[in-house]
C-alpha atoms as a PDB file:
ATOM      1  CA  UNK A   1      -0.284   0.006  -0.105  1.00  0.00           C
ATOM      2  CA  UNK A   2       1.288   3.468  -1.023  1.00  0.00           C
ATOM      3  CA  UNK A   3      -0.312   6.773   0.533  1.00  0.00           C
ATOM      4  CA  UNK A   4       0.111  10.071  -1.138  1.00  0.00           C
ATOM      5  CA  UNK A   5      -1.077  13.069   0.605  1.00  0.00           C
ATOM      6  CA  UNK A   6      -1.488  16.513  -1.193  1.00  0.00           C
ATOM      7  CA  UNK A   7      -0.431  14.573  -4.187  1.00  0.00           C
ATOM      8  CA  UNK A   8      -1.537  17.704  -6.535  1.00  0.00           C
ATOM      9  CA  UNK A   9       1.988  19.106  -5.309  1.00  0.00           C
ATOM     10  CA  UNK A  10       4.288  16.168  -6.604  1.00  0.00           C
ATOM     11  CA  UNK A  11       5.397  16.449 -10.056  1.00  0.00           C
ATOM     12  CA  UNK A  12       3.880  14.317 -12.740  1.00  0.00           C
ATOM     13  CA  UNK A  13       7.367  12.262 -12.985  1.00  0.00           C
ATOM     14  CA  UNK A  14       7.617  11.712  -9.426  1.00  0.00           C
ATOM     15  CA  UNK A  15       4.166   9.925  -9.036  1.00  0.00           C
ATOM     16  CA  UNK A  16       5.105   8.268 -12.573  1.00  0.00           C
ATOM     17  CA  UNK A  17       8.336   6.964 -11.158  1.00  0.00           C
ATOM     18  CA  UNK A  18       6.515   5.563  -8.040  1.00  0.00           C
ATOM     19  CA  UNK A  19       4.517   3.751 -10.285  1.00  0.00           C
ATOM     20  CA  UNK A  20       7.247   2.092 -11.985  1.00  0.00           C
ATOM     21  CA  UNK A  21       9.350   1.339  -8.603  1.00  0.00           C
ATOM     22  CA  UNK A  22       6.100  -0.224  -7.335  1.00  0.00           C
ATOM     23  CA  UNK A  23       4.112  -1.856  -9.918  1.00  0.00           C
ATOM     24  CA  UNK A  24       2.159  -4.000  -7.612  1.00  0.00           C
ATOM     25  CA  UNK A  25       1.352  -1.504  -4.956  1.00  0.00           C
ATOM     26  CA  UNK A  26      -1.976  -0.258  -4.388  1.00  0.00           C
ATOM     27  CA  UNK A  27      -1.812   3.586  -4.383  1.00  0.00           C
ATOM     28  CA  UNK A  28      -3.979   5.818  -2.548  1.00  0.00           C
ATOM     29  CA  UNK A  29      -3.555   9.429  -3.914  1.00  0.00           C
ATOM     30  CA  UNK A  30      -5.423  12.077  -1.547  1.00  0.00           C
ATOM     31  CA  UNK A  31      -5.364  15.648  -2.502  1.00  0.00           C
ATOM     32  CA  UNK A  32      -7.292  18.692  -4.253  1.00  0.00           C
ATOM     33  CA  UNK A  33      -6.317  19.592  -7.781  1.00  0.00           C
ATOM     34  CA  UNK A  34      -7.503  23.232  -7.040  1.00  0.00           C
ATOM     35  CA  UNK A  35      -5.056  23.630  -4.343  1.00  0.00           C
ATOM     36  CA  UNK A  36      -2.240  22.917  -6.906  1.00  0.00           C
ATOM     37  CA  UNK A  37      -0.142  25.949  -6.617  1.00  0.00           C
ATOM     38  CA  UNK A  38       3.517  24.367  -6.327  1.00  0.00           C
ATOM     39  CA  UNK A  39       5.156  25.561  -9.823  1.00  0.00           C
ATOM     40  CA  UNK A  40       6.144  21.287 -10.091  1.00  0.00           C
ATOM     41  CA  UNK A  41       2.562  20.406  -8.880  1.00  0.00           C
ATOM     42  CA  UNK A  42       0.324  18.280 -11.624  1.00  0.00           C
ATOM     43  CA  UNK A  43      -2.657  19.844 -13.599  1.00  0.00           C
ATOM     44  CA  UNK A  44      -5.753  18.366 -14.185  1.00  0.00           C
ATOM     45  CA  UNK A  45      -4.751  16.724 -17.698  1.00  0.00           C
ATOM     46  CA  UNK A  46      -1.812  15.024 -15.959  1.00  0.00           C
ATOM     47  CA  UNK A  47      -3.860  13.814 -13.088  1.00  0.00           C
ATOM     48  CA  UNK A  48      -6.178  12.035 -15.575  1.00  0.00           C
ATOM     49  CA  UNK A  49      -2.947  10.376 -17.314  1.00  0.00           C
ATOM     50  CA  UNK A  50      -1.680   9.153 -13.692  1.00  0.00           C
ATOM     51  CA  UNK A  51      -4.872   7.882 -12.832  1.00  0.00           C
ATOM     52  CA  UNK A  52      -5.816   5.264 -15.783  1.00  0.00           C
ATOM     53  CA  UNK A  53      -8.780   2.893 -16.424  1.00  0.00           C
ATOM     54  CA  UNK A  54      -7.435   0.734 -13.797  1.00  0.00           C
ATOM     55  CA  UNK A  55      -7.799   3.295 -10.816  1.00  0.00           C
ATOM     56  CA  UNK A  56     -10.985   4.172  -8.934  1.00  0.00           C
ATOM     57  CA  UNK A  57     -11.623   7.855  -7.967  1.00  0.00           C
ATOM     58  CA  UNK A  58     -13.706   8.969  -5.000  1.00  0.00           C
ATOM     59  CA  UNK A  59     -14.777  12.586  -4.688  1.00  0.00           C
ATOM     60  CA  UNK A  60     -15.460  14.440  -1.494  1.00  0.00           C
ATOM     61  CA  UNK A  61     -17.553  17.557  -1.838  1.00  0.00           C
ATOM     62  CA  UNK A  62     -18.717  18.257   2.015  1.00  0.00           C
ATOM     63  CA  UNK A  63     -17.200  21.105   3.248  1.00  0.00           C
ATOM     64  CA  UNK A  64     -16.656  20.945   6.978  1.00  0.00           C
ATOM     65  CA  UNK A  65     -14.114  23.725   7.212  1.00  0.00           C
ATOM     66  CA  UNK A  66     -15.453  26.884   6.229  1.00  0.00           C
ATOM     67  CA  UNK A  67     -18.478  28.772   7.303  1.00  0.00           C
ATOM     68  CA  UNK A  68     -21.811  28.317   5.125  1.00  0.00           C
ATOM     69  CA  UNK A  69     -21.616  31.847   3.677  1.00  0.00           C
ATOM     70  CA  UNK A  70     -17.823  31.365   2.781  1.00  0.00           C
ATOM     71  CA  UNK A  71     -18.407  27.867   1.170  1.00  0.00           C
ATOM     72  CA  UNK A  72     -21.306  29.461  -1.183  1.00  0.00           C
ATOM     73  CA  UNK A  73     -19.243  32.249  -2.004  1.00  0.00           C
ATOM     74  CA  UNK A  74     -16.315  29.889  -2.800  1.00  0.00           C
ATOM     75  CA  UNK A  75     -19.205  27.853  -5.335  1.00  0.00           C
ATOM     76  CA  UNK A  76     -20.049  30.763  -7.043  1.00  0.00           C
ATOM     77  CA  UNK A  77     -16.739  32.038  -7.748  1.00  0.00           C
ATOM     78  CA  UNK A  78     -15.160  28.725  -8.876  1.00  0.00           C
ATOM     79  CA  UNK A  79     -18.079  27.103 -10.189  1.00  0.00           C
ATOM     80  CA  UNK A  80     -17.955  24.196  -8.074  1.00  0.00           C
ATOM     81  CA  UNK A  81     -20.552  22.721  -6.206  1.00  0.00           C
ATOM     82  CA  UNK A  82     -19.357  21.833  -2.585  1.00  0.00           C
ATOM     83  CA  UNK A  83     -22.033  21.068   0.292  1.00  0.00           C
ATOM     84  CA  UNK A  84     -21.541  23.794   3.036  1.00  0.00           C
ATOM     85  CA  UNK A  85     -21.673  22.143   6.369  1.00  0.00           C
ATOM     86  CA  UNK A  86     -20.277  24.781   8.348  1.00  0.00           C
ATOM     87  CA  UNK A  87     -21.500  27.068  11.105  1.00  0.00           C
ATOM     88  CA  UNK A  88     -22.839  30.682   9.973  1.00  0.00           C
ATOM     89  CA  UNK A  89     -20.061  33.301   9.096  1.00  0.00           C
ATOM     90  CA  UNK A  90     -19.875  36.306   6.512  1.00  0.00           C
ATOM     91  CA  UNK A  91     -18.260  37.012   3.122  1.00  0.00           C
ATOM     92  CA  UNK A  92     -17.396  40.793   2.654  1.00  0.00           C
ATOM     93  CA  UNK A  93     -15.568  42.777  -0.032  1.00  0.00           C
ATOM     94  CA  UNK A  94     -13.708  46.136   0.760  1.00  0.00           C
ATOM     95  CA  UNK A  95     -11.570  48.319  -1.168  1.00  0.00           C
ATOM     96  CA  UNK A  96      -7.497  48.389  -0.032  1.00  0.00           C
ATOM     97  CA  UNK A  97      -8.158  51.920   1.056  1.00  0.00           C
ATOM     98  CA  UNK A  98     -10.414  50.866   3.722  1.00  0.00           C
ATOM     99  CA  UNK A  99      -8.308  48.015   4.879  1.00  0.00           C
ATOM    100  CA  UNK A 100      -6.620  49.531   7.770  1.00  0.00           C
ATOM    101  CA  UNK A 101     -10.227  50.915   9.259  1.00  0.00           C
ATOM    102  CA  UNK A 102     -11.634  47.326   8.656  1.00  0.00           C
ATOM    103  CA  UNK A 103      -9.311  45.186  10.622  1.00  0.00           C
ATOM    104  CA  UNK A 104     -10.152  43.946  14.151  1.00  0.00           C
ATOM    105  CA  UNK A 105      -7.778  42.283  16.015  1.00  0.00           C
ATOM    106  CA  UNK A 106      -8.199  40.314  19.168  1.00  0.00           C
ATOM    107  CA  UNK A 107      -6.170  38.288  21.585  1.00  0.00           C
ATOM    108  CA  UNK A 108      -7.657  35.187  20.446  1.00  0.00           C
ATOM    109  CA  UNK A 109      -7.943  34.865  16.898  1.00  0.00           C
ATOM    110  CA  UNK A 110      -5.593  33.693  14.155  1.00  0.00           C
ATOM    111  CA  UNK A 111      -5.964  36.489  11.593  1.00  0.00           C
ATOM    112  CA  UNK A 112      -4.185  36.424   8.074  1.00  0.00           C
ATOM    113  CA  UNK A 113      -3.658  38.975   5.274  1.00  0.00           C
ATOM    114  CA  UNK A 114      -3.244  36.572   2.605  1.00  0.00           C
ATOM    115  CA  UNK A 115      -1.273  37.905  -0.514  1.00  0.00           C
ATOM    116  CA  UNK A 116       0.663  36.888  -3.533  1.00  0.00           C
ATOM    117  CA  UNK A 117       4.041  37.514  -1.900  1.00  0.00           C
ATOM    118  CA  UNK A 118       6.049  39.351   0.733  1.00  0.00           C
ATOM    119  CA  UNK A 119       7.277  41.910  -2.137  1.00  0.00           C
ATOM    120  CA  UNK A 120       3.442  42.956  -2.882  1.00  0.00           C
ATOM    121  CA  UNK A 121       3.196  43.454   1.019  1.00  0.00           C
ATOM    122  CA  UNK A 122       6.341  45.481   0.949  1.00  0.00           C
ATOM    123  CA  UNK A 123       5.573  47.719  -2.167  1.00  0.00           C
ATOM    124  CA  UNK A 124       1.595  47.969  -2.298  1.00  0.00           C
ATOM    125  CA  UNK A 125      -0.105  46.485   0.764  1.00  0.00           C
ATOM    126  CA  UNK A 126       1.880  47.664   3.815  1.00  0.00           C
ATOM    127  CA  UNK A 127       0.718  51.144   3.523  1.00  0.00           C
ATOM    128  CA  UNK A 128      -2.429  50.345   3.889  1.00  0.00           C
ATOM    129  CA  UNK A 129      -1.982  48.543   7.163  1.00  0.00           C
ATOM    130  CA  UNK A 130      -0.721  51.949   9.297  1.00  0.00           C
ATOM    131  CA  UNK A 131      -3.431  51.210  12.028  1.00  0.00           C
ATOM    132  CA  UNK A 132      -2.440  47.705  12.676  1.00  0.00           C
ATOM    133  CA  UNK A 133       1.449  48.024  12.236  1.00  0.00           C
ATOM    134  CA  UNK A 134       2.490  47.458  15.996  1.00  0.00           C
ATOM    135  CA  UNK A 135       0.325  44.342  15.769  1.00  0.00           C
ATOM    136  CA  UNK A 136       1.574  42.813  12.312  1.00  0.00           C
ATOM    137  CA  UNK A 137       3.507  39.559  12.100  1.00  0.00           C
ATOM    138  CA  UNK A 138       5.138  39.157   8.729  1.00  0.00           C
ATOM    139  CA  UNK A 139       5.334  35.081   7.793  1.00  0.00           C
ATOM    140  CA  UNK A 140       8.373  35.114   5.443  1.00  0.00           C
ATOM    141  CA  UNK A 141       9.426  31.362   5.503  1.00  0.00           C
ATOM    142  CA  UNK A 142       8.585  27.970   6.958  1.00  0.00           C
ATOM    143  CA  UNK A 143      10.241  28.821  10.257  1.00  0.00           C
ATOM    144  CA  UNK A 144       7.724  31.689  10.715  1.00  0.00           C
ATOM    145  CA  UNK A 145       5.156  31.363  13.581  1.00  0.00           C
ATOM    146  CA  UNK A 146       1.452  32.432  13.193  1.00  0.00           C
ATOM    147  CA  UNK A 147       0.577  34.424  16.286  1.00  0.00           C
ATOM    148  CA  UNK A 148      -2.713  35.001  17.852  1.00  0.00           C
ATOM    149  CA  UNK A 149      -4.099  38.738  18.197  1.00  0.00           C
ATOM    150  CA  UNK A 150      -1.907  39.751  15.356  1.00  0.00           C
ATOM    151  CA  UNK A 151      -2.627  40.339  11.639  1.00  0.00           C
ATOM    152  CA  UNK A 152      -0.585  37.571  10.154  1.00  0.00           C
ATOM    153  CA  UNK A 153       0.942  38.576   6.907  1.00  0.00           C
ATOM    154  CA  UNK A 154       1.591  35.448   4.845  1.00  0.00           C
ATOM    155  CA  UNK A 155       2.311  34.757   1.152  1.00  0.00           C
ATOM    156  CA  UNK A 156       0.154  32.307  -0.654  1.00  0.00           C
ATOM    157  CA  UNK A 157       2.756  29.654  -1.014  1.00  0.00           C
ATOM    158  CA  UNK A 158       2.914  29.618   2.674  1.00  0.00           C
ATOM    159  CA  UNK A 159      -0.541  29.505   3.327  1.00  0.00           C
ATOM    160  CA  UNK A 160      -1.601  26.247   2.331  1.00  0.00           C
ATOM    161  CA  UNK A 161      -2.497  23.708   5.064  1.00  0.00           C
ATOM    162  CA  UNK A 162      -3.290  26.609   7.463  1.00  0.00           C
ATOM    163  CA  UNK A 163      -6.606  28.221   8.767  1.00  0.00           C
ATOM    164  CA  UNK A 164      -7.406  31.156  10.197  1.00  0.00           C
ATOM    165  CA  UNK A 165     -10.682  32.544  12.075  1.00  0.00           C
ATOM    166  CA  UNK A 166     -10.274  35.573   9.926  1.00  0.00           C
ATOM    167  CA  UNK A 167      -8.895  36.193   6.573  1.00  0.00           C
ATOM    168  CA  UNK A 168      -8.146  39.127   4.627  1.00  0.00           C
ATOM    169  CA  UNK A 169      -7.331  38.048   1.024  1.00  0.00           C
ATOM    170  CA  UNK A 170      -5.887  40.047  -1.477  1.00  0.00           C
ATOM    171  CA  UNK A 171      -6.234  38.182  -4.683  1.00  0.00           C
ATOM    172  CA  UNK A 172      -4.266  40.504  -6.867  1.00  0.00           C
ATOM    173  CA  UNK A 173      -1.684  38.947  -9.292  1.00  0.00           C
ATOM    174  CA  UNK A 174      -2.919  35.475  -7.916  1.00  0.00           C
ATOM    175  CA  UNK A 175      -4.163  32.559 -10.089  1.00  0.00           C
ATOM    176  CA  UNK A 176      -7.252  30.867  -9.693  1.00  0.00           C
ATOM    177  CA  UNK A 177      -6.055  27.828  -7.741  1.00  0.00           C
ATOM    178  CA  UNK A 178      -3.935  30.634  -5.412  1.00  0.00           C
ATOM    179  CA  UNK A 179      -7.325  32.238  -4.905  1.00  0.00           C
ATOM    180  CA  UNK A 180      -8.963  29.287  -4.120  1.00  0.00           C
ATOM    181  CA  UNK A 181      -6.365  28.288  -1.387  1.00  0.00           C
ATOM    182  CA  UNK A 182      -6.514  31.769   0.108  1.00  0.00           C
ATOM    183  CA  UNK A 183     -10.334  31.728   0.390  1.00  0.00           C
ATOM    184  CA  UNK A 184     -10.557  28.522   2.019  1.00  0.00           C
ATOM    185  CA  UNK A 185      -8.165  29.466   4.773  1.00  0.00           C
ATOM    186  CA  UNK A 186     -10.985  31.338   6.284  1.00  0.00           C
ATOM    187  CA  UNK A 187     -13.073  29.703   8.778  1.00  0.00           C
ATOM    188  CA  UNK A 188     -15.221  32.156  10.056  1.00  0.00           C
ATOM    189  CA  UNK A 189     -14.931  35.379   8.182  1.00  0.00           C
ATOM    190  CA  UNK A 190     -13.761  35.934   5.079  1.00  0.00           C
ATOM    191  CA  UNK A 191     -12.550  39.653   3.875  1.00  0.00           C
ATOM    192  CA  UNK A 192     -11.886  40.055   0.015  1.00  0.00           C
ATOM    193  CA  UNK A 193     -10.083  43.020  -0.625  1.00  0.00           C
ATOM    194  CA  UNK A 194      -9.621  44.885  -3.987  1.00  0.00           C
ATOM    195  CA  UNK A 195      -6.892  47.218  -5.227  1.00  0.00           C
ATOM    196  CA  UNK A 196      -9.149  50.501  -6.447  1.00  0.00           C
END
């Protein structure tokens, strides 16, 4: 038995090699192709090549992570059909000039500001976070730690696998899959920020 989690982040050649090295193995690949944001990760066509006619595929469409309203927003934004199981929450849209006044920090919540990369934060977004500057935690690599009660500024490539009570997502310059990952990090409240 060979179990591969987050298989969409593996290169096509890696999974192909595993199939050759372990021809008698029973493969179990777990993942979500919509979360493929790793440059070496697979696309849908490559997944179809890996999963030939001898494989069985199973889908899960229940969403237990995100609040009901967030799941409905994701369904409409990405033309998918997840079943919302979560509690009530909210989705709001703001222009970036109102971002500083809209951010509400408290000591118990994990709050994220998810952006394309740190360079974008430094060049564009940082000037709009003036009121929160003393409580900003910039996460620039895997060694950095998410802090409760702070605005955790995190690039999309480090956000996957994390979840936050509140997410302020700036989808500017993000791919569709990156937006999907950013929006699905929000458990209760999602704020989609537009550059005006």
